[in-house]
Every structure is written in C-alpha cells, then in structure tokens.
Amino acid sequence: MTRNKILWLLLVLVATAFPTFADEPVDAACDALFKNYVLGNDGRFSCDDERVLALKLIVERGRKTYFWRTLLDRVKNDSGEVGSVELLGRMLALDSSARLWLEHARAKGENLHAYQSTPFPYLGHEVVDELLKIADKAGGKHNDVYTFALASARDSRCQDYLRKVLGGDVKHYSPTAKFFAAMGLAELGAPEGVNWLIDQVGHERERGEAVFCEYCPEFSGANLSLCCSKALGMLSGENDAKTRADWGSWWEQVDKTPFTPCRVPCS
C-alpha cells in the first residue's frame, strides 16, 4: 500500500471515529478535509476517487455535526464559496430525501420506532433562504453551482429562482445551470422543467463545461442531450424512451399532476 493510501485511510478513520462535542465551534475532521480537498483545489474539486470520498465524508458527517453552519458562513464571507455551495447542495439533497421518506412512512401509518435507523433532516431552513439571497445578488456569477444546490433542496421556495434561470438569457445562464433548473422544477412538479428537458433531447450541444462530471457522476462525459434523456429516465422511471419523439409521446400520455418527488440524481 502506498504512503498516500495509508495517509488517506488514517484521514478516514479520524473523520469517522471521533465525535464532535456540542461545545466545539467547528467539526475539526470536516474542517481538515474541507481545507485539504476543497480549498486546496482552488475551491473546486474533481472526480478523483480520493476527493469524492472526502466530499462524501464531509456531507454525511457535516450534516449531523453542524458543519453546514461553517459552510454557510464561508458562503456569506466569500471564502471557498463554490465548494461550500456544492457541499450544501449535497447536504440539502440528503435532507430532502429524508423528509420524503418520513412523509411516506407517516402516510402509511408506519411505526418509525420500529426502524433501527431513521433518516432525518438536519439543516436549518435558513440555508435555502441565504442561498437564494446570495444567488440573486451574485447575478450570473457561479450560477451553475447555486442552481445545483437550490434544485437539490426540492423546496418550493426555490421555484421562482429556478424559473428565472431556466428562462434567462444564455449569456448569463449556462446550459449546466439551465439543466439543473429544469431538473429542480420537474421534481417540484412544474411542467416547464419536463418540457425543457424533452426539448433538449436530440440536440448535440456542449456538455456544459464538464460540470456534469463534477456535480453528477451519473452524467460524466455526456453531452446535454444525453444528460437530459438520462434525467428524464430518472424522473419518470421509464427505460424504453430514447428519442425526443419517445419522450414527447410519454409526456402526452402521463398524468401531469405534480410528480411524486424523487431522489435528486446527484445526491
């Protein structure tokens, strides 16, 4: 085993083995991983396996240890803004999935105490409010990552912002930002999100500044057309539709009442 691998394993053990106590201002393990793998990479991160594991640790541990508050403060202070927003987006996605699971379980009358572990949302409501406020002030700056984060929240408060991105001028909003806006709207049951995704199928455009690789490994290396087709498959559960005509036919026949929200693919 190489020296780097040994160091990495030690990092993983440190990050997962020691709890953070209530009187500690910052989760030291998450903070060390953040500084090394996010700030140490110019605020952005790649699909390198080591970094992916580091991000996963920060997201899963940081939700529970209130490291999300540290990330939100970094966004407010413009310190590691892009990386902090993406991590918050991933945390919001997990919180959204937890809320959905709880809603379904309660609707079925299930006894939540019967489960050994129950998903739970940890982030405060202020996260979405602050991200919306900062995203509006930022204008077109970093709109791809802000749109990713706000779409991941699957929160009705984000609809106006997502609609603004989807309908905005391509000079200000990248194809990547529009893709996430469409995904977010579709998951909130807004038909314009689905319509936009269908319209892009068959257009062999740019893949969106390689951002699909960074934010959503499922879309790695794909152009916008293929990404939209994959996204429609994830949203609908359909496996047979491939072309724009296929998806158009499906959309004509499907019940257009709001979809039951599904897992954000990039969570």
Foldseek 3Di string as FASTA:
>chain_A
DDPVVVVLVVLVCVLPVDADDPPDPASVSLVVLCCCAQVVVVLAHALPVSSVVSLVSCLVRCLVRVNLVVLLVCCVVVNSNLNSLLSLLVNLLQQQVLVLVVVVCVVVVHDPVVDPDGRHRRDDPVSLVSLVVSLVVCQLPSLLSSLSSNLSNLDPVCLVVLVCLLPDDCVRHPLNSNLSSLLSCLLNLHVVSLVVLLVLAPPQDAQTVQVCRRQAVVCGPHRSNVVSQVSVCQQPVDDPDRGSVSSVVVVVPDDSGRGNRDRDRRD
